[in-house]
Amino acid sequence: MAISKEQKQELVKQYGEWIEESKAVILTKYIGLSVPDLQQLRSDIREAGGEFHIVKNTLAKLAVKNAGLEIETEHFLGDTAFGFAFDDAPGLAKAIVDFADESDFLDIKAGYLGENLVSSDEIIALSKVPPLPVLRAQLLSTILAPATKLTRILAEPGRQVAGVLKAYSDAKAEAAPEAA
């Protein structure tokens, strides 16, 4: 079914908005992917804070060009779908890579991380980076570790004095009944 020039312009505009809003875009080839599999993939990507859309190559290429990104023509051959990471780029990469590992019908072509063109190998490496909440927790524990250690060091002399006083007090308490 042919679409009108206005519809094509609207699609290019929509693709461009998605590209601008996303932290990463992953280009995939999806030949033979069933509807239930596609729905499962979209669900996994939504959980990671992204979206997955089948795109028209010519229009997507135009949107990428309009966004000022580098274009490799071979990435826009065959059936193409884009994964957009609106929240967490590693989360999107992990969802797509995990699905591609389980499916023979989805291949990663390339992607964009920010404004940089990245290969499928780099996307696979990105998928191994922990999700953003885990990275934040690791960073927080790294920042708090010196403060926790300093608190323990400063509290230790007081704890030792308290231990000596308690031992002295206990010894006095044991000696007191004998004296009576």
Protein backbone atom coordinates (compact mmCIF):
# COMPACT_ATOMS: atom_id res chain seq x y z
CA MET A 1 0.00 0.00 0.00
CA ALA A 2 1.46 3.32 -1.08
CA ILE A 3 1.52 6.15 1.39
CA SER A 4 1.14 9.82 0.56
CA LYS A 5 3.92 12.37 0.60
CA GLU A 6 2.40 13.95 3.72
CA GLN A 7 2.40 10.60 5.53
CA LYS A 8 6.03 10.05 4.55
CA GLN A 9 6.97 13.49 5.89
CA GLU A 10 5.12 12.71 9.12
CA LEU A 11 7.00 9.40 9.48
CA VAL A 12 10.36 11.10 8.90
CA LYS A 13 9.43 13.70 11.52
CA GLN A 14 8.38 10.96 13.99
CA TYR A 15 11.57 8.95 13.40
CA GLY A 16 13.59 12.15 13.87
CA GLU A 17 11.87 12.90 17.19
CA TRP A 18 12.55 9.37 18.45
CA ILE A 19 16.21 9.67 17.44
CA GLU A 20 16.57 13.06 19.16
CA GLU A 21 14.88 11.85 22.39
CA SER A 22 16.79 8.59 22.68
CA LYS A 23 20.16 7.98 24.28
CA ALA A 24 20.83 5.07 21.94
CA VAL A 25 19.32 3.65 18.76
CA ILE A 26 19.88 0.04 17.77
CA LEU A 27 19.27 -1.05 14.17
CA THR A 28 18.14 -4.63 13.72
CA LYS A 29 17.18 -7.03 10.94
CA TYR A 30 14.01 -8.94 11.80
CA ILE A 31 13.24 -11.35 8.92
CA GLY A 32 10.77 -14.09 9.89
CA LEU A 33 9.98 -12.76 13.37
CA SER A 34 6.51 -13.91 14.43
CA VAL A 35 3.94 -11.55 15.90
CA PRO A 36 4.06 -13.14 19.39
CA ASP A 37 7.88 -12.93 19.36
CA LEU A 38 7.70 -9.31 18.24
CA GLN A 39 5.25 -8.54 21.05
CA GLN A 40 7.53 -10.24 23.59
CA LEU A 41 10.53 -8.25 22.34
CA ARG A 42 8.60 -4.99 22.52
CA SER A 43 7.48 -5.85 26.06
CA ASP A 44 11.07 -6.57 27.15
CA ILE A 45 12.24 -3.29 25.61
CA ARG A 46 9.42 -1.31 27.26
CA GLU A 47 10.54 -2.69 30.64
CA ALA A 48 14.01 -1.29 29.86
CA GLY A 49 12.51 2.15 29.14
CA GLY A 50 12.61 1.98 25.37
CA GLU A 51 10.56 1.29 22.27
CA PHE A 52 10.95 -0.97 19.24
CA HIS A 53 9.57 0.08 15.83
CA ILE A 54 9.69 -1.36 12.35
CA VAL A 55 10.79 1.42 10.02
CA LYS A 56 10.86 2.15 6.32
CA ASN A 57 14.51 2.18 5.25
CA THR A 58 14.40 5.21 2.95
CA LEU A 59 12.49 7.31 5.47
CA ALA A 60 14.62 6.16 8.40
CA LYS A 61 17.79 6.95 6.46
CA LEU A 62 16.45 10.44 5.78
CA ALA A 63 15.59 10.92 9.48
CA VAL A 64 19.09 9.78 10.51
CA LYS A 65 20.61 12.17 7.98
CA ASN A 66 18.41 15.02 9.23
CA ALA A 67 19.56 14.26 12.79
CA GLY A 68 23.15 14.79 11.64
CA LEU A 69 24.24 11.21 12.27
CA GLU A 70 26.65 9.18 10.16
CA ILE A 71 24.94 6.87 7.67
CA GLU A 72 26.19 3.47 6.54
CA THR A 73 24.00 2.44 3.59
CA GLU A 74 24.37 -1.30 4.27
CA HIS A 75 22.63 -0.84 7.63
CA PHE A 76 19.49 0.26 5.80
CA LEU A 77 19.14 -2.77 3.53
CA GLY A 78 16.48 -5.43 4.07
CA ASP A 79 13.88 -5.45 6.82
CA THR A 80 14.91 -2.93 9.46
CA ALA A 81 13.60 -2.15 12.92
CA PHE A 82 14.91 0.42 15.38
CA GLY A 83 15.18 0.02 19.14
CA PHE A 84 15.12 3.37 20.96
CA ALA A 85 16.57 3.80 24.47
CA PHE A 86 14.73 6.66 26.12
CA ASP A 87 15.95 5.84 29.66
CA ASP A 88 18.73 3.27 29.80
CA ALA A 89 20.97 2.45 26.80
CA PRO A 90 22.52 -0.68 28.39
CA GLY A 91 19.03 -1.93 29.30
CA LEU A 92 17.88 -1.63 25.68
CA ALA A 93 21.05 -3.30 24.42
CA LYS A 94 20.63 -6.16 26.91
CA ALA A 95 16.98 -6.73 25.93
CA ILE A 96 17.80 -6.83 22.21
CA VAL A 97 20.99 -8.90 22.57
CA ASP A 98 19.28 -11.43 24.86
CA PHE A 99 16.39 -11.77 22.41
CA ALA A 100 18.75 -12.07 19.42
CA ASP A 101 20.67 -14.83 21.22
CA GLU A 102 17.46 -16.83 21.65
CA SER A 103 16.03 -16.11 18.19
CA ASP A 104 17.30 -16.90 14.72
CA PHE A 105 15.08 -14.17 13.30
CA LEU A 106 16.65 -11.05 14.84
CA ASP A 107 20.14 -9.77 14.02
CA ILE A 108 21.82 -6.61 15.24
CA LYS A 109 23.08 -4.47 12.36
CA ALA A 110 24.59 -1.48 14.19
CA GLY A 111 23.48 1.42 16.32
CA TYR A 112 24.01 4.92 17.54
CA LEU A 113 25.15 5.72 21.05
CA GLY A 114 24.47 9.41 21.36
CA GLU A 115 25.78 10.72 18.05
CA ASN A 116 28.36 7.97 17.52
CA LEU A 117 27.86 5.07 15.12
CA VAL A 118 28.64 1.79 16.91
CA SER A 119 29.04 -1.75 15.60
CA SER A 120 27.04 -4.79 16.63
CA ASP A 121 30.04 -5.97 18.70
CA GLU A 122 30.02 -2.69 20.63
CA ILE A 123 26.28 -3.09 21.25
CA ILE A 124 26.92 -6.57 22.63
CA ALA A 125 29.59 -5.10 24.92
CA LEU A 126 27.14 -2.36 25.99
CA SER A 127 24.60 -5.03 26.91
CA LYS A 128 27.03 -6.36 29.51
CA VAL A 129 27.14 -3.03 31.37
CA PRO A 130 24.92 -3.18 34.48
CA PRO A 131 21.61 -1.28 34.33
CA LEU A 132 21.54 2.32 35.54
CA PRO A 133 20.07 1.60 39.02
CA VAL A 134 22.81 -0.99 39.68
CA LEU A 135 25.51 1.43 38.51
CA ARG A 136 24.10 4.12 40.81
CA ALA A 137 24.14 1.73 43.78
CA GLN A 138 27.74 0.71 43.02
CA LEU A 139 28.79 4.35 42.74
CA LEU A 140 27.04 5.25 45.99
CA SER A 141 28.70 2.39 47.87
CA THR A 142 32.08 3.47 46.50
CA ILE A 143 31.48 7.05 47.63
CA LEU A 144 30.24 5.99 51.08
CA ALA A 145 33.01 3.46 51.77
CA PRO A 146 35.64 6.00 52.93
CA ALA A 147 33.14 7.78 55.18
CA THR A 148 32.07 4.46 56.75
CA LYS A 149 35.68 3.45 57.32
CA LEU A 150 36.51 6.86 58.85
CA THR A 151 33.53 6.57 61.21
CA ARG A 152 34.74 3.15 62.38
CA ILE A 153 38.29 4.44 62.90
CA LEU A 154 37.08 7.44 64.91
CA ALA A 155 34.72 5.33 67.01
CA GLU A 156 37.27 2.59 67.82
CA PRO A 157 39.27 4.40 70.57
CA GLY A 158 36.05 5.22 72.40
CA ARG A 159 34.92 1.61 72.05
CA GLN A 160 38.25 0.41 73.46
CA VAL A 161 38.05 2.81 76.46
CA ALA A 162 34.48 1.67 77.10
CA GLY A 163 35.65 -1.96 76.99
CA VAL A 164 38.45 -1.28 79.53
CA LEU A 165 36.05 0.59 81.85
CA LYS A 166 33.49 -2.22 81.62
CA ALA A 167 36.15 -4.84 82.37
CA TYR A 168 37.39 -2.76 85.35
CA SER A 169 33.80 -2.30 86.54
CA ASP A 170 33.09 -6.03 86.20
CA ALA A 171 36.27 -6.86 88.11
CA LYS A 172 35.28 -4.42 90.90
CA ALA A 173 31.77 -5.90 91.00
CA GLU A 174 33.18 -9.42 91.40
CA ALA A 175 35.65 -8.28 94.07
CA ALA A 176 33.01 -6.37 96.07
CA PRO A 177 30.96 -9.43 97.23
CA GLU A 178 34.14 -11.18 98.39
CA ALA A 179 35.11 -8.22 100.57
CA ALA A 180 31.76 -8.25 102.36
